[in-house]
Amino acid sequence: AAQAGEVPPEPKKPLTEEERKEKLEKLEELRIKKRAEREEREKKEALDREKKRIEDGKGLNEIKQKMEEQEIKKLAELKRREKLEEQAAKQRVLQQIEEDKI
């Protein structure tokens, strides 16, 4: 309903063939533009996901490498201790042999 001082809306008149064609062209252009924007956005999101996957992979590799280094250090320390224990045991045996000679 038109209020005081307002011009009542004109009834919609049917579009001419040319207006209809022009409107369809604009809609098609808009559809193409939206599709291109969506494809560009999807491409960027895929690239971002790939970058994140690579970064996550690097992080996992670093963790794996650190764990391997820790394992190597642990094994080296274990060998060192075993060698020291062997030397101490050998020394005790030699000392016992010396004491038995006396």
N, C-alpha and C. Protein backbone atom coordinates (compact mmCIF):
# COMPACT_ATOMS: atom_id res chain seq x y z
N ALA A 1 0.84 -1.18 0.00
CA ALA A 1 0.00 0.00 0.00
C ALA A 1 0.87 1.23 0.00
N ALA A 2 0.51 2.21 -0.82
CA ALA A 2 1.29 3.44 -0.93
C ALA A 2 0.88 4.37 0.19
N GLN A 3 1.88 5.00 0.82
CA GLN A 3 1.59 5.94 1.89
C GLN A 3 1.45 7.33 1.30
N ALA A 4 1.00 8.23 2.11
CA ALA A 4 0.79 9.59 1.64
C ALA A 4 2.11 10.18 1.16
N GLY A 5 2.12 10.77 -0.01
CA GLY A 5 3.32 11.40 -0.53
C GLY A 5 4.17 10.46 -1.38
N GLU A 6 3.87 9.17 -1.39
CA GLU A 6 4.63 8.20 -2.19
C GLU A 6 3.90 7.92 -3.49
N VAL A 7 4.71 7.64 -4.50
CA VAL A 7 4.12 7.28 -5.79
C VAL A 7 3.85 5.78 -5.75
N PRO A 8 2.66 5.35 -6.10
CA PRO A 8 2.39 3.91 -6.05
C PRO A 8 3.26 3.17 -7.06
N PRO A 9 3.72 1.97 -6.69
CA PRO A 9 4.59 1.24 -7.61
C PRO A 9 3.84 0.89 -8.89
N GLU A 10 4.58 1.00 -9.99
CA GLU A 10 3.95 0.69 -11.28
C GLU A 10 3.81 -0.82 -11.40
N PRO A 11 2.74 -1.27 -12.00
CA PRO A 11 2.61 -2.71 -12.18
C PRO A 11 3.71 -3.19 -13.12
N LYS A 12 4.20 -4.40 -12.87
CA LYS A 12 5.28 -4.93 -13.70
C LYS A 12 4.75 -5.20 -15.09
N LYS A 13 5.49 -4.64 -16.04
CA LYS A 13 5.07 -4.91 -17.41
C LYS A 13 5.96 -6.02 -17.95
N PRO A 14 5.47 -6.84 -18.82
CA PRO A 14 6.28 -7.94 -19.35
C PRO A 14 7.50 -7.39 -20.09
N LEU A 15 8.63 -8.13 -19.96
CA LEU A 15 9.86 -7.69 -20.61
C LEU A 15 9.76 -7.90 -22.11
N THR A 16 10.38 -6.99 -22.81
CA THR A 16 10.45 -7.18 -24.26
C THR A 16 11.46 -8.28 -24.52
N GLU A 17 11.50 -8.79 -25.73
CA GLU A 17 12.43 -9.86 -26.09
C GLU A 17 13.86 -9.39 -25.86
N GLU A 18 14.14 -8.15 -26.22
CA GLU A 18 15.51 -7.60 -26.06
C GLU A 18 15.87 -7.47 -24.59
N GLU A 19 14.94 -6.98 -23.76
CA GLU A 19 15.20 -6.84 -22.32
C GLU A 19 15.42 -8.22 -21.69
N ARG A 20 14.62 -9.18 -22.10
CA ARG A 20 14.74 -10.53 -21.58
C ARG A 20 16.10 -11.12 -21.96
N LYS A 21 16.50 -10.90 -23.19
CA LYS A 21 17.78 -11.41 -23.68
C LYS A 21 18.93 -10.75 -22.90
N GLU A 22 18.82 -9.44 -22.68
CA GLU A 22 19.84 -8.69 -21.94
C GLU A 22 19.94 -9.19 -20.50
N LYS A 23 18.78 -9.43 -19.89
CA LYS A 23 18.75 -9.91 -18.51
C LYS A 23 19.40 -11.31 -18.43
N LEU A 24 19.09 -12.18 -19.39
CA LEU A 24 19.67 -13.52 -19.42
C LEU A 24 21.19 -13.44 -19.60
N GLU A 25 21.66 -12.52 -20.44
CA GLU A 25 23.10 -12.35 -20.64
C GLU A 25 23.78 -11.91 -19.35
N LYS A 26 23.15 -10.97 -18.64
CA LYS A 26 23.72 -10.50 -17.38
C LYS A 26 23.76 -11.64 -16.36
N LEU A 27 22.68 -12.43 -16.30
CA LEU A 27 22.65 -13.56 -15.38
C LEU A 27 23.74 -14.58 -15.74
N GLU A 28 23.93 -14.82 -17.03
CA GLU A 28 24.95 -15.76 -17.47
C GLU A 28 26.35 -15.24 -17.11
N GLU A 29 26.58 -13.94 -17.32
CA GLU A 29 27.86 -13.33 -16.96
C GLU A 29 28.10 -13.47 -15.45
N LEU A 30 27.05 -13.21 -14.67
CA LEU A 30 27.16 -13.32 -13.21
C LEU A 30 27.46 -14.77 -12.82
N ARG A 31 26.80 -15.73 -13.47
CA ARG A 31 27.02 -17.14 -13.18
C ARG A 31 28.47 -17.53 -13.48
N ILE A 32 28.97 -17.08 -14.61
CA ILE A 32 30.35 -17.38 -15.01
C ILE A 32 31.33 -16.75 -14.02
N LYS A 33 31.05 -15.51 -13.64
CA LYS A 33 31.92 -14.81 -12.68
C LYS A 33 31.94 -15.54 -11.34
N LYS A 34 30.76 -15.91 -10.84
CA LYS A 34 30.67 -16.62 -9.55
C LYS A 34 31.39 -17.96 -9.62
N ARG A 35 31.24 -18.65 -10.77
CA ARG A 35 31.90 -19.95 -10.93
C ARG A 35 33.42 -19.78 -10.91
N ALA A 36 33.91 -18.75 -11.61
CA ALA A 36 35.36 -18.49 -11.63
C ALA A 36 35.86 -18.15 -10.23
N GLU A 37 35.10 -17.36 -9.50
CA GLU A 37 35.48 -17.01 -8.12
C GLU A 37 35.52 -18.26 -7.24
N ARG A 38 34.50 -19.13 -7.40
CA ARG A 38 34.45 -20.35 -6.60
C ARG A 38 35.63 -21.27 -6.94
N GLU A 39 35.92 -21.40 -8.24
CA GLU A 39 37.04 -22.25 -8.65
C GLU A 39 38.36 -21.70 -8.12
N GLU A 40 38.52 -20.39 -8.16
CA GLU A 40 39.74 -19.76 -7.65
C GLU A 40 39.87 -19.99 -6.15
N ARG A 41 38.75 -19.84 -5.44
CA ARG A 41 38.75 -20.06 -3.98
C ARG A 41 39.08 -21.52 -3.67
N GLU A 42 38.47 -22.45 -4.41
CA GLU A 42 38.73 -23.87 -4.18
C GLU A 42 40.18 -24.21 -4.48
N LYS A 43 40.75 -23.60 -5.54
CA LYS A 43 42.15 -23.84 -5.88
C LYS A 43 43.06 -23.35 -4.76
N LYS A 44 42.75 -22.16 -4.22
CA LYS A 44 43.54 -21.60 -3.12
C LYS A 44 43.43 -22.47 -1.87
N GLU A 45 42.20 -22.94 -1.57
CA GLU A 45 42.01 -23.80 -0.40
C GLU A 45 42.79 -25.11 -0.57
N ALA A 46 42.77 -25.68 -1.78
CA ALA A 46 43.51 -26.92 -2.03
C ALA A 46 45.01 -26.68 -1.84
N LEU A 47 45.49 -25.54 -2.31
CA LEU A 47 46.91 -25.20 -2.16
C LEU A 47 47.26 -25.03 -0.67
N ASP A 48 46.38 -24.36 0.06
CA ASP A 48 46.59 -24.18 1.51
C ASP A 48 46.62 -25.53 2.23
N ARG A 49 45.69 -26.44 1.85
CA ARG A 49 45.67 -27.77 2.47
C ARG A 49 46.96 -28.52 2.17
N GLU A 50 47.44 -28.41 0.92
CA GLU A 50 48.67 -29.10 0.54
C GLU A 50 49.86 -28.54 1.32
N LYS A 51 49.92 -27.21 1.46
CA LYS A 51 51.00 -26.59 2.25
C LYS A 51 50.96 -27.09 3.69
N LYS A 52 49.76 -27.16 4.25
CA LYS A 52 49.61 -27.62 5.64
C LYS A 52 50.05 -29.09 5.75
N ARG A 53 49.65 -29.90 4.75
CA ARG A 53 50.03 -31.32 4.77
C ARG A 53 51.55 -31.46 4.73
N ILE A 54 52.20 -30.63 3.91
CA ILE A 54 53.67 -30.68 3.81
C ILE A 54 54.29 -30.25 5.14
N GLU A 55 53.77 -29.16 5.72
CA GLU A 55 54.29 -28.69 7.01
C GLU A 55 54.11 -29.75 8.09
N ASP A 56 52.92 -30.36 8.11
CA ASP A 56 52.67 -31.42 9.10
C ASP A 56 53.63 -32.58 8.88
N GLY A 57 53.88 -32.90 7.62
CA GLY A 57 54.82 -33.97 7.29
C GLY A 57 56.21 -33.66 7.78
N LYS A 58 56.64 -32.40 7.57
CA LYS A 58 57.97 -31.98 8.04
C LYS A 58 58.04 -32.11 9.56
N GLY A 59 56.98 -31.68 10.22
CA GLY A 59 56.94 -31.78 11.68
C GLY A 59 57.06 -33.22 12.14
N LEU A 60 56.34 -34.11 11.47
CA LEU A 60 56.42 -35.53 11.83
C LEU A 60 57.81 -36.08 11.57
N ASN A 61 58.42 -35.68 10.45
CA ASN A 61 59.78 -36.14 10.14
C ASN A 61 60.77 -35.67 11.19
N GLU A 62 60.61 -34.41 11.64
CA GLU A 62 61.51 -33.88 12.66
C GLU A 62 61.36 -34.67 13.96
N ILE A 63 60.12 -34.95 14.34
CA ILE A 63 59.87 -35.72 15.56
C ILE A 63 60.48 -37.11 15.43
N LYS A 64 60.26 -37.73 14.27
CA LYS A 64 60.78 -39.08 14.02
C LYS A 64 62.31 -39.07 14.10
N GLN A 65 62.94 -38.05 13.50
CA GLN A 65 64.39 -37.95 13.51
C GLN A 65 64.91 -37.76 14.93
N LYS A 66 64.25 -36.92 15.72
CA LYS A 66 64.66 -36.70 17.10
C LYS A 66 64.56 -37.99 17.91
N MET A 67 63.49 -38.74 17.67
CA MET A 67 63.32 -40.00 18.39
C MET A 67 64.43 -40.99 18.01
N GLU A 68 64.76 -41.03 16.72
CA GLU A 68 65.84 -41.91 16.27
C GLU A 68 67.17 -41.50 16.90
N GLU A 69 67.43 -40.19 16.95
CA GLU A 69 68.67 -39.69 17.57
C GLU A 69 68.72 -40.06 19.04
N GLN A 70 67.58 -39.91 19.73
CA GLN A 70 67.53 -40.27 21.15
C GLN A 70 67.79 -41.76 21.34
N GLU A 71 67.23 -42.58 20.45
CA GLU A 71 67.43 -44.03 20.54
C GLU A 71 68.90 -44.37 20.34
N ILE A 72 69.54 -43.72 19.36
CA ILE A 72 70.97 -43.95 19.10
C ILE A 72 71.80 -43.56 20.32
N LYS A 73 71.48 -42.40 20.91
CA LYS A 73 72.21 -41.95 22.11
C LYS A 73 72.02 -42.95 23.26
N LYS A 74 70.76 -43.43 23.40
CA LYS A 74 70.47 -44.37 24.48
C LYS A 74 71.27 -45.66 24.29
N LEU A 75 71.31 -46.17 23.05
CA LEU A 75 72.07 -47.39 22.77
C LEU A 75 73.57 -47.18 23.00
N ALA A 76 74.09 -46.01 22.59
CA ALA A 76 75.51 -45.71 22.80
C ALA A 76 75.83 -45.65 24.29
N GLU A 77 74.94 -45.04 25.06
CA GLU A 77 75.14 -44.95 26.52
C GLU A 77 75.09 -46.34 27.15
N LEU A 78 74.19 -47.17 26.67
CA LEU A 78 74.07 -48.54 27.18
C LEU A 78 75.35 -49.33 26.89
N LYS A 79 75.87 -49.22 25.67
CA LYS A 79 77.12 -49.91 25.31
C LYS A 79 78.28 -49.42 26.17
N ARG A 80 78.33 -48.11 26.38
CA ARG A 80 79.41 -47.53 27.20
C ARG A 80 79.35 -48.09 28.62
N ARG A 81 78.14 -48.16 29.18
CA ARG A 81 77.98 -48.69 30.54
C ARG A 81 78.37 -50.16 30.60
N GLU A 82 77.93 -50.92 29.58
CA GLU A 82 78.28 -52.35 29.56
C GLU A 82 79.79 -52.53 29.49
N LYS A 83 80.45 -51.70 28.68
CA LYS A 83 81.91 -51.79 28.54
C LYS A 83 82.59 -51.48 29.88
N LEU A 84 82.08 -50.44 30.56
CA LEU A 84 82.64 -50.08 31.88
C LEU A 84 82.42 -51.21 32.88
N GLU A 85 81.23 -51.82 32.84
CA GLU A 85 80.94 -52.93 33.77
C GLU A 85 81.85 -54.13 33.47
N GLU A 86 82.07 -54.39 32.17
CA GLU A 86 82.97 -55.49 31.79
C GLU A 86 84.39 -55.22 32.29
N GLN A 87 84.84 -53.99 32.13
CA GLN A 87 86.19 -53.63 32.59
C GLN A 87 86.30 -53.79 34.11
N ALA A 88 85.24 -53.34 34.81
CA ALA A 88 85.24 -53.45 36.27
C ALA A 88 85.24 -54.92 36.69
N ALA A 89 84.46 -55.75 36.01
CA ALA A 89 84.41 -57.18 36.33
C ALA A 89 85.76 -57.82 36.05
N LYS A 90 86.36 -57.48 34.93
CA LYS A 90 87.67 -58.02 34.57
C LYS A 90 88.71 -57.62 35.62
N GLN A 91 88.62 -56.36 36.05
CA GLN A 91 89.55 -55.85 37.06
C GLN A 91 89.37 -56.62 38.37
N ARG A 92 88.11 -56.90 38.74
CA ARG A 92 87.85 -57.66 39.98
C ARG A 92 88.44 -59.08 39.88
N VAL A 93 88.28 -59.69 38.70
CA VAL A 93 88.82 -61.05 38.51
C VAL A 93 90.33 -61.02 38.63
N LEU A 94 90.97 -60.05 37.97
CA LEU A 94 92.44 -59.94 38.04
C LEU A 94 92.90 -59.69 39.47
N GLN A 95 92.16 -58.86 40.17
CA GLN A 95 92.49 -58.55 41.57
C GLN A 95 92.34 -59.81 42.43
N GLN A 96 91.28 -60.57 42.17
CA GLN A 96 91.06 -61.82 42.93
C GLN A 96 92.19 -62.82 42.65
N ILE A 97 92.64 -62.89 41.39
CA ILE A 97 93.74 -63.79 41.03
C ILE A 97 95.00 -63.36 41.78
N GLU A 98 95.26 -62.06 41.84
CA GLU A 98 96.43 -61.56 42.55
C GLU A 98 96.34 -61.91 44.03
N GLU A 99 95.15 -61.72 44.60
CA GLU A 99 94.98 -62.02 46.02
C GLU A 99 95.15 -63.51 46.28
N ASP A 100 94.67 -64.34 45.35
CA ASP A 100 94.81 -65.80 45.53
C ASP A 100 96.27 -66.24 45.46
N LYS A 101 97.10 -65.51 44.73
CA LYS A 101 98.53 -65.85 44.63
C LYS A 101 99.23 -65.65 45.97
N ILE A 102 98.72 -64.72 46.73
CA ILE A 102 99.38 -64.38 47.99
C ILE A 102 99.11 -65.38 49.07
